[in-house]
Amino acid sequence: MNYDGLRSWLAKIDQLGKLKKLEDVDWNLEMGAIVDVLYREHPPYAPALLFDKIKDHAKGFRALFWPLRLTEAHRADPRRHGRIRSHFGIHQNVS
C-alpha cells in the first residue's frame, strides 16, 4: 500500500477507525489533559489523536499524538504493531 504522504496515511487510519480528530482545543492545558485521559482510558490501543484548529495558532497548524502507539502490552498481543503494518502496507493477518 502506497501513501502520497502523511495526509493519505491519516485518511487510511481514519478509515480503519484508528484516528480521533479533535478541533478547537486549547494548546496550553487541554491538549495534554485530553491525551492523558484518552490513553489511561483506552490502553493499549487508544487511537492516534489529531488536533486541528488549535487555539492561538494559525489555520492549518495541527498536532498529531501517538501515530504508531507502541507500549509494553503490545509485545504479548498478536494484534501488535497494527498501525506500523498499515504504514508499510503489510496485511494485518501477517505475523
N, C-alpha and C. Protein backbone atom coordinates (compact mmCIF):
# COMPACT_ATOMS: atom_id res chain seq x y z
N MET A 1 0.84 -1.17 0.00
CA MET A 1 0.00 0.00 0.00
C MET A 1 0.89 1.23 0.00
N ASN A 2 0.68 2.10 -0.96
CA ASN A 2 1.49 3.30 -1.05
C ASN A 2 0.72 4.50 -0.51
N TYR A 3 1.48 5.42 0.04
CA TYR A 3 0.90 6.65 0.56
C TYR A 3 1.60 7.82 -0.10
N ASP A 4 0.83 8.84 -0.40
CA ASP A 4 1.39 10.05 -1.00
C ASP A 4 2.01 10.96 0.04
N GLY A 5 1.86 10.63 1.30
CA GLY A 5 2.37 11.45 2.38
C GLY A 5 1.54 11.24 3.63
N LEU A 6 1.78 12.08 4.59
CA LEU A 6 1.09 11.96 5.87
C LEU A 6 -0.43 12.08 5.73
N ARG A 7 -0.90 12.96 4.86
CA ARG A 7 -2.35 13.14 4.71
C ARG A 7 -3.03 11.86 4.24
N SER A 8 -2.45 11.16 3.27
CA SER A 8 -3.09 9.94 2.78
C SER A 8 -3.01 8.83 3.83
N TRP A 9 -1.92 8.80 4.61
CA TRP A 9 -1.81 7.82 5.69
C TRP A 9 -2.86 8.11 6.76
N LEU A 10 -3.04 9.38 7.11
CA LEU A 10 -4.06 9.75 8.10
C LEU A 10 -5.45 9.37 7.59
N ALA A 11 -5.70 9.56 6.31
CA ALA A 11 -7.00 9.17 5.75
C ALA A 11 -7.22 7.67 5.89
N LYS A 12 -6.17 6.88 5.67
CA LYS A 12 -6.29 5.43 5.79
C LYS A 12 -6.56 5.00 7.23
N ILE A 13 -5.80 5.52 8.20
CA ILE A 13 -6.05 5.09 9.58
C ILE A 13 -7.38 5.64 10.09
N ASP A 14 -7.82 6.77 9.55
CA ASP A 14 -9.15 7.29 9.89
C ASP A 14 -10.21 6.32 9.36
N GLN A 15 -10.05 5.84 8.16
CA GLN A 15 -10.97 4.87 7.56
C GLN A 15 -11.02 3.58 8.39
N LEU A 16 -9.89 3.20 8.97
CA LEU A 16 -9.81 1.99 9.80
C LEU A 16 -10.32 2.22 11.23
N GLY A 17 -10.71 3.46 11.56
CA GLY A 17 -11.20 3.77 12.89
C GLY A 17 -10.10 3.93 13.93
N LYS A 18 -8.88 4.22 13.48
CA LYS A 18 -7.75 4.32 14.39
C LYS A 18 -7.26 5.76 14.56
N LEU A 19 -8.10 6.73 14.18
CA LEU A 19 -7.76 8.14 14.31
C LEU A 19 -8.92 8.89 14.92
N LYS A 20 -8.63 9.72 15.90
CA LYS A 20 -9.64 10.58 16.51
C LYS A 20 -9.26 12.02 16.22
N LYS A 21 -10.17 12.78 15.61
CA LYS A 21 -9.92 14.17 15.28
C LYS A 21 -10.61 15.08 16.29
N LEU A 22 -9.88 16.04 16.79
CA LEU A 22 -10.43 17.00 17.74
C LEU A 22 -10.13 18.42 17.26
N GLU A 23 -11.11 19.31 17.40
CA GLU A 23 -10.95 20.69 16.95
C GLU A 23 -11.20 21.66 18.09
N ASP A 24 -10.68 22.87 17.91
CA ASP A 24 -10.91 23.98 18.85
C ASP A 24 -10.48 23.64 20.27
N VAL A 25 -9.30 23.09 20.41
CA VAL A 25 -8.75 22.72 21.71
C VAL A 25 -7.66 23.73 22.08
N ASP A 26 -7.60 24.09 23.34
CA ASP A 26 -6.57 24.99 23.84
C ASP A 26 -5.26 24.23 23.98
N TRP A 27 -4.21 24.76 23.39
CA TRP A 27 -2.90 24.09 23.42
C TRP A 27 -2.29 24.06 24.81
N ASN A 28 -2.63 25.03 25.65
CA ASN A 28 -1.94 25.21 26.92
C ASN A 28 -2.13 24.05 27.88
N LEU A 29 -3.35 23.71 28.19
CA LEU A 29 -3.61 22.64 29.15
C LEU A 29 -4.52 21.55 28.61
N GLU A 30 -5.42 21.91 27.72
CA GLU A 30 -6.41 20.94 27.26
C GLU A 30 -5.81 19.80 26.45
N MET A 31 -4.89 20.10 25.54
CA MET A 31 -4.33 19.03 24.70
C MET A 31 -3.66 17.96 25.55
N GLY A 32 -2.83 18.37 26.47
CA GLY A 32 -2.14 17.40 27.33
C GLY A 32 -3.10 16.60 28.19
N ALA A 33 -4.12 17.26 28.72
CA ALA A 33 -5.10 16.57 29.56
C ALA A 33 -5.90 15.55 28.75
N ILE A 34 -6.29 15.93 27.54
CA ILE A 34 -7.05 15.02 26.68
C ILE A 34 -6.22 13.78 26.33
N VAL A 35 -4.97 14.00 25.96
CA VAL A 35 -4.08 12.88 25.63
C VAL A 35 -3.92 11.96 26.84
N ASP A 36 -3.69 12.55 28.00
CA ASP A 36 -3.51 11.77 29.22
C ASP A 36 -4.74 10.92 29.53
N VAL A 37 -5.91 11.53 29.50
CA VAL A 37 -7.15 10.80 29.82
C VAL A 37 -7.42 9.72 28.79
N LEU A 38 -7.28 10.03 27.51
CA LEU A 38 -7.58 9.04 26.48
C LEU A 38 -6.70 7.81 26.60
N TYR A 39 -5.41 8.00 26.85
CA TYR A 39 -4.52 6.85 26.92
C TYR A 39 -4.64 6.10 28.24
N ARG A 40 -5.16 6.73 29.26
CA ARG A 40 -5.46 6.00 30.50
C ARG A 40 -6.74 5.18 30.35
N GLU A 41 -7.70 5.71 29.60
CA GLU A 41 -8.99 5.05 29.44
C GLU A 41 -8.99 3.94 28.39
N HIS A 42 -8.06 3.97 27.44
CA HIS A 42 -8.06 3.02 26.34
C HIS A 42 -6.71 2.32 26.12
N PRO A 43 -6.05 1.87 27.17
CA PRO A 43 -4.77 1.21 26.93
C PRO A 43 -5.01 -0.19 26.38
N PRO A 44 -4.17 -0.78 25.61
CA PRO A 44 -3.03 -0.14 24.96
C PRO A 44 -3.35 0.31 23.55
N TYR A 45 -4.64 0.28 23.15
CA TYR A 45 -4.98 0.56 21.76
C TYR A 45 -5.78 1.84 21.57
N ALA A 46 -5.37 2.89 22.22
CA ALA A 46 -6.03 4.18 22.01
C ALA A 46 -5.74 4.64 20.59
N PRO A 47 -6.68 5.39 19.99
CA PRO A 47 -6.44 5.87 18.63
C PRO A 47 -5.37 6.96 18.59
N ALA A 48 -4.83 7.18 17.42
CA ALA A 48 -3.96 8.34 17.22
C ALA A 48 -4.87 9.57 17.34
N LEU A 49 -4.32 10.66 17.85
CA LEU A 49 -5.09 11.89 18.03
C LEU A 49 -4.57 12.96 17.09
N LEU A 50 -5.48 13.61 16.37
CA LEU A 50 -5.13 14.72 15.50
C LEU A 50 -5.89 15.95 15.96
N PHE A 51 -5.15 16.92 16.48
CA PHE A 51 -5.75 18.18 16.92
C PHE A 51 -5.68 19.18 15.78
N ASP A 52 -6.81 19.82 15.50
CA ASP A 52 -6.90 20.81 14.44
C ASP A 52 -7.57 22.07 15.00
N LYS A 53 -7.35 23.18 14.34
CA LYS A 53 -7.90 24.47 14.78
C LYS A 53 -7.53 24.73 16.24
N ILE A 54 -6.25 24.65 16.53
CA ILE A 54 -5.74 24.81 17.89
C ILE A 54 -5.78 26.28 18.28
N LYS A 55 -6.28 26.55 19.46
CA LYS A 55 -6.41 27.92 19.95
C LYS A 55 -5.06 28.64 19.89
N ASP A 56 -5.08 29.89 19.43
CA ASP A 56 -3.91 30.77 19.32
C ASP A 56 -2.90 30.32 18.27
N HIS A 57 -3.29 29.44 17.35
CA HIS A 57 -2.41 29.02 16.27
C HIS A 57 -3.09 29.28 14.93
N ALA A 58 -2.29 29.55 13.93
CA ALA A 58 -2.81 29.85 12.60
C ALA A 58 -3.54 28.63 12.02
N LYS A 59 -4.49 28.91 11.15
CA LYS A 59 -5.23 27.86 10.46
C LYS A 59 -4.24 26.95 9.73
N GLY A 60 -4.46 25.65 9.82
CA GLY A 60 -3.59 24.70 9.15
C GLY A 60 -2.53 24.08 10.04
N PHE A 61 -2.27 24.68 11.19
CA PHE A 61 -1.33 24.08 12.13
C PHE A 61 -2.06 23.01 12.92
N ARG A 62 -1.54 21.79 12.89
CA ARG A 62 -2.18 20.68 13.57
C ARG A 62 -1.15 19.94 14.40
N ALA A 63 -1.61 19.14 15.34
CA ALA A 63 -0.71 18.34 16.18
C ALA A 63 -1.20 16.90 16.17
N LEU A 64 -0.26 15.97 15.95
CA LEU A 64 -0.58 14.54 15.89
C LEU A 64 0.11 13.85 17.06
N PHE A 65 -0.67 13.13 17.86
CA PHE A 65 -0.14 12.39 19.01
C PHE A 65 -0.28 10.89 18.76
N TRP A 66 0.75 10.16 19.09
CA TRP A 66 0.79 8.70 19.06
C TRP A 66 0.40 8.10 17.72
N PRO A 67 1.05 8.50 16.63
CA PRO A 67 0.67 7.92 15.35
C PRO A 67 0.95 6.42 15.24
N LEU A 68 1.97 5.92 15.94
CA LEU A 68 2.32 4.50 15.84
C LEU A 68 2.20 3.78 17.18
N ARG A 69 1.62 4.35 18.15
CA ARG A 69 1.32 3.86 19.50
C ARG A 69 1.89 2.47 19.82
N LEU A 70 3.01 2.43 20.52
CA LEU A 70 3.60 1.17 20.98
C LEU A 70 3.77 1.21 22.49
N THR A 71 3.39 0.15 23.18
CA THR A 71 3.56 0.06 24.63
C THR A 71 4.08 -1.33 24.97
N GLU A 72 4.39 -1.52 26.22
CA GLU A 72 4.83 -2.85 26.68
C GLU A 72 3.77 -3.91 26.42
N ALA A 73 2.50 -3.54 26.53
CA ALA A 73 1.42 -4.51 26.34
C ALA A 73 1.38 -5.06 24.91
N HIS A 74 1.90 -4.30 23.95
CA HIS A 74 1.90 -4.76 22.56
C HIS A 74 2.75 -6.01 22.36
N ARG A 75 3.77 -6.18 23.16
CA ARG A 75 4.69 -7.30 22.95
C ARG A 75 4.02 -8.66 23.14
N ALA A 76 3.00 -8.73 24.01
CA ALA A 76 2.33 -10.00 24.29
C ALA A 76 1.07 -10.18 23.46
N ASP A 77 0.69 -9.19 22.68
CA ASP A 77 -0.57 -9.22 21.94
C ASP A 77 -0.31 -9.47 20.46
N PRO A 78 -0.97 -10.48 19.87
CA PRO A 78 -0.75 -10.77 18.45
C PRO A 78 -1.22 -9.66 17.51
N ARG A 79 -2.05 -8.73 18.00
CA ARG A 79 -2.52 -7.62 17.16
C ARG A 79 -1.53 -6.46 17.14
N ARG A 80 -0.40 -6.63 17.82
CA ARG A 80 0.54 -5.53 17.99
C ARG A 80 1.01 -4.97 16.65
N HIS A 81 1.43 -3.77 16.72
CA HIS A 81 2.01 -3.05 15.58
C HIS A 81 1.06 -2.86 14.41
N GLY A 82 -0.23 -2.81 14.68
CA GLY A 82 -1.21 -2.65 13.60
C GLY A 82 -1.01 -1.38 12.80
N ARG A 83 -0.72 -0.27 13.47
CA ARG A 83 -0.53 0.97 12.72
C ARG A 83 0.76 0.95 11.93
N ILE A 84 1.78 0.31 12.47
CA ILE A 84 3.04 0.20 11.71
C ILE A 84 2.81 -0.67 10.48
N ARG A 85 2.07 -1.76 10.64
CA ARG A 85 1.75 -2.60 9.49
C ARG A 85 0.99 -1.82 8.44
N SER A 86 0.01 -1.02 8.89
CA SER A 86 -0.75 -0.19 7.96
C SER A 86 0.16 0.78 7.23
N HIS A 87 1.08 1.34 7.97
CA HIS A 87 2.00 2.33 7.40
C HIS A 87 2.84 1.72 6.28
N PHE A 88 3.30 0.50 6.47
CA PHE A 88 4.17 -0.13 5.48
C PHE A 88 3.40 -1.01 4.49
N GLY A 89 2.06 -1.05 4.61
CA GLY A 89 1.28 -1.81 3.67
C GLY A 89 1.30 -3.31 3.89
N ILE A 90 1.58 -3.74 5.11
CA ILE A 90 1.61 -5.16 5.44
C ILE A 90 0.23 -5.57 5.90
N HIS A 91 -0.30 -6.65 5.37
CA HIS A 91 -1.64 -7.12 5.73
C HIS A 91 -1.70 -7.38 7.23
N GLN A 92 -2.82 -7.07 7.85
CA GLN A 92 -2.98 -7.18 9.30
C GLN A 92 -2.89 -8.61 9.80
N ASN A 93 -3.14 -9.61 8.96
CA ASN A 93 -3.11 -11.00 9.41
C ASN A 93 -1.73 -11.64 9.31
N VAL A 94 -0.77 -10.93 8.78
CA VAL A 94 0.60 -11.45 8.67
C VAL A 94 1.30 -11.30 10.00
N SER A 95 1.94 -12.35 10.46
CA SER A 95 2.64 -12.26 11.75
C SER A 95 4.13 -12.11 11.55
